Protein backbone atom coordinates (compact mmCIF):
# COMPACT_ATOMS: atom_id res chain seq x y z
CA UNK A 1 10.16 5.98 -13.41
CA UNK A 2 7.90 4.13 -11.00
CA UNK A 3 7.12 5.66 -7.64
CA UNK A 4 8.82 4.31 -4.54
CA UNK A 5 6.43 2.17 -2.49
CA UNK A 6 6.30 1.53 1.23
CA UNK A 7 4.39 -1.65 2.03
CA UNK A 8 2.55 -1.84 5.33
CA UNK A 9 1.14 -5.19 6.51
CA UNK A 10 0.54 -7.63 9.34
CA UNK A 11 4.03 -9.07 9.67
CA UNK A 12 2.84 -12.05 11.68
CA UNK A 13 0.11 -13.24 9.30
CA UNK A 14 0.52 -11.61 5.90
CA UNK A 15 4.25 -11.51 5.19
CA UNK A 16 3.82 -14.16 2.48
CA UNK A 17 1.89 -11.62 0.38
CA UNK A 18 4.68 -9.08 0.74
CA UNK A 19 7.23 -11.74 -0.21
CA UNK A 20 5.11 -12.65 -3.24
CA UNK A 21 5.16 -9.00 -4.37
CA UNK A 22 8.94 -9.07 -4.11
CA UNK A 23 9.02 -12.29 -6.17
CA UNK A 24 6.78 -10.74 -8.88
CA UNK A 25 9.23 -7.87 -9.13
CA UNK A 26 12.19 -10.23 -9.51
CA UNK A 27 10.53 -12.55 -12.03
CA UNK A 28 10.84 -11.29 -15.61
CA UNK A 29 7.71 -13.26 -16.58
CA UNK A 30 5.62 -10.82 -14.56
CA UNK A 31 4.88 -7.30 -15.71
CA UNK A 32 5.32 -5.89 -12.23
CA UNK A 33 7.79 -3.23 -11.22
CA UNK A 34 8.05 -2.34 -7.61
CA UNK A 35 10.53 0.16 -6.15
CA UNK A 36 10.50 -0.99 -2.54
CA UNK A 37 11.29 1.57 0.17
CA UNK A 38 12.29 -1.27 2.48
CA UNK A 39 15.23 -1.95 0.15
CA UNK A 40 16.34 1.69 0.05
CA UNK A 41 16.96 2.17 3.75
CA UNK A 42 17.94 -0.95 5.63
CA UNK A 43 18.06 -0.96 9.39
CA UNK A 44 19.21 -3.72 11.68
CA UNK A 45 18.54 -1.84 14.93
CA UNK A 46 15.29 -3.25 16.27
CA UNK A 47 16.02 -2.86 19.96
CA UNK A 48 13.24 -0.47 20.87
CA UNK A 49 9.94 0.74 19.48
CA UNK A 50 11.46 4.22 19.16
CA UNK A 51 14.38 3.06 16.98
CA UNK A 52 12.09 0.90 14.85
CA UNK A 53 9.74 3.82 14.25
CA UNK A 54 12.69 6.10 13.43
CA UNK A 55 13.80 3.63 10.75
CA UNK A 56 10.26 3.26 9.42
CA UNK A 57 9.83 7.04 9.23
CA UNK A 58 13.04 7.25 7.15
CA UNK A 59 11.61 4.68 4.74
CA UNK A 60 8.29 6.50 4.57
CA UNK A 61 10.09 9.77 3.78
CA UNK A 62 11.77 8.03 0.84
CA UNK A 63 8.38 6.87 -0.48
CA UNK A 64 5.75 8.20 -2.86
CA UNK A 65 3.10 5.57 -2.23
CA UNK A 66 1.84 3.64 0.79
CA UNK A 67 0.57 0.16 -0.04
CA UNK A 68 -1.49 -1.34 2.78
CA UNK A 69 -2.01 -5.09 2.57
CA UNK A 70 -5.33 -5.66 4.33
CA UNK A 71 -5.82 -9.11 5.80
CA UNK A 72 -7.98 -10.53 8.56
CA UNK A 73 -6.17 -8.78 11.42
CA UNK A 74 -4.79 -5.59 9.86
CA UNK A 75 -7.54 -3.36 11.27
CA UNK A 76 -6.53 -4.35 14.82
CA UNK A 77 -2.82 -3.51 14.56
CA UNK A 78 -2.08 -0.21 16.25
CA UNK A 79 1.55 -0.31 17.40
CA UNK A 80 3.12 -0.13 13.93
CA UNK A 81 0.53 -0.53 11.14
CA UNK A 82 -1.78 2.24 12.32
CA UNK A 83 1.24 4.42 13.12
CA UNK A 84 2.66 3.86 9.61
CA UNK A 85 -0.69 4.79 8.08
CA UNK A 86 -0.92 7.94 10.25
CA UNK A 87 2.59 9.04 9.23
CA UNK A 88 1.87 8.36 5.53
CA UNK A 89 -1.32 10.44 5.73
CA UNK A 90 0.58 13.29 7.42
CA UNK A 91 3.19 13.11 4.65
CA UNK A 92 0.53 13.17 1.94
CA UNK A 93 1.54 9.85 0.37
CA UNK A 94 -0.78 8.30 -2.20
CA UNK A 95 -2.46 5.26 -0.66
CA UNK A 96 -3.23 1.92 -2.31
CA UNK A 97 -5.26 -0.47 -0.16
CA UNK A 98 -4.82 -4.08 -1.27
CA UNK A 99 -7.54 -6.46 -0.15
CA UNK A 100 -6.06 -9.89 0.46
CA UNK A 101 -9.55 -11.39 0.27
CA UNK A 102 -9.87 -10.37 -3.41
CA UNK A 103 -12.47 -7.64 -2.98
CA UNK A 104 -12.30 -4.94 -5.70
CA UNK A 105 -13.61 -2.10 -3.53
CA UNK A 106 -13.37 -1.10 0.10
CA UNK A 107 -13.89 -3.94 2.53
CA UNK A 108 -15.54 -2.02 5.35
CA UNK A 109 -15.18 -4.96 7.72
CA UNK A 110 -11.41 -5.46 7.30
CA UNK A 111 -10.17 -2.00 6.30
CA UNK A 112 -8.41 -0.20 9.16
CA UNK A 113 -10.81 2.49 10.47
CA UNK A 114 -8.23 5.23 9.91
CA UNK A 115 -8.38 4.52 6.14
CA UNK A 116 -12.14 4.24 5.64
CA UNK A 117 -12.61 7.92 4.79
CA UNK A 118 -9.13 8.64 3.43
CA UNK A 119 -8.41 9.21 -0.25
CA UNK A 120 -7.26 5.75 -1.32
CA UNK A 121 -7.74 3.27 -4.15
CA UNK A 122 -8.92 -0.19 -3.06
CA UNK A 123 -7.86 -3.18 -5.19
CA UNK A 124 -7.60 -6.97 -4.81
CA UNK A 125 -4.28 -8.78 -4.39
CA UNK A 126 -3.23 -9.37 -8.00
CA UNK A 127 0.04 -8.36 -9.64
CA UNK A 128 -1.69 -6.77 -12.66
CA UNK A 129 -4.02 -4.45 -10.76
CA UNK A 130 -1.44 -3.55 -8.10
CA UNK A 131 1.05 -2.67 -10.85
CA UNK A 132 -1.64 -0.61 -12.62
CA UNK A 133 -2.44 1.22 -9.37
CA UNK A 134 1.23 1.92 -8.64
CA UNK A 135 1.64 3.44 -12.10
CA UNK A 136 -1.66 5.38 -12.23
CA UNK A 137 -3.07 6.14 -8.80
CA UNK A 138 -0.46 8.67 -7.58
CA UNK A 139 -1.21 11.14 -10.40
CA UNK A 140 -4.97 10.66 -9.97
CA UNK A 141 -4.69 11.07 -6.20
CA UNK A 142 -2.79 14.37 -6.61
CA UNK A 143 -5.60 15.73 -8.79
CA UNK A 144 -8.28 14.50 -6.38
CA UNK A 145 -6.45 16.08 -3.42
CA UNK A 146 -6.32 19.45 -5.19
CA UNK A 147 -10.05 19.12 -5.86
CA UNK A 148 -10.62 18.39 -2.16
CA UNK A 149 -11.91 14.85 -2.74
CA UNK A 150 -11.61 12.14 -0.10
CA UNK A 151 -12.89 8.67 0.54
CA UNK A 152 -12.44 5.24 -0.95
CA UNK A 153 -12.03 4.81 -4.70
CA UNK A 154 -12.00 1.68 -6.83
CA UNK A 155 -11.46 0.85 -10.49
CA UNK A 156 -14.38 0.11 -12.79
CA UNK A 157 -14.77 -3.32 -14.36
CA UNK A 158 -13.42 -1.94 -17.65
CA UNK A 159 -9.97 -1.54 -16.06
CA UNK A 160 -9.96 -5.14 -14.90
CA UNK A 161 -11.14 -6.35 -18.32
CA UNK A 162 -8.38 -4.35 -20.06
CA UNK A 163 -5.84 -6.06 -17.76
CA UNK A 164 -7.27 -9.51 -18.49
CA UNK A 165 -8.69 -9.91 -15.01
């Protein structure tokens, strides 16, 4: 069974990438399975920051993995994005950082500062590598955490070649 994923992103500028991930999951032509925490716990109450964060925390608690879509402005978003990342770190969720600019390793310029030294895998926005990371990174991250490892990780070229990328 695939882990449940919570996707964190710049809702004003990068929602199309989140929607595309949802479309990949729904399209049988794509080998992409995505158990979306946003679908598990729906909330319509968006009246205050406190109620929004309560709903988001519930979704994070139902998750195994935090996927952070990193675009041009993600590093500057503190009200919700940084808060979501902080909560996910506190909860010990595995973290997958997805670079919307296609970079295959950490993008030090765009990556939110809170994630730069955290144990996380950094991948480009592509259904094949995101699916691979969802299926493989959580078990690797657990081992690395036990070993006390931190910092940014990335997949070698051989992984991308094996996926046809």
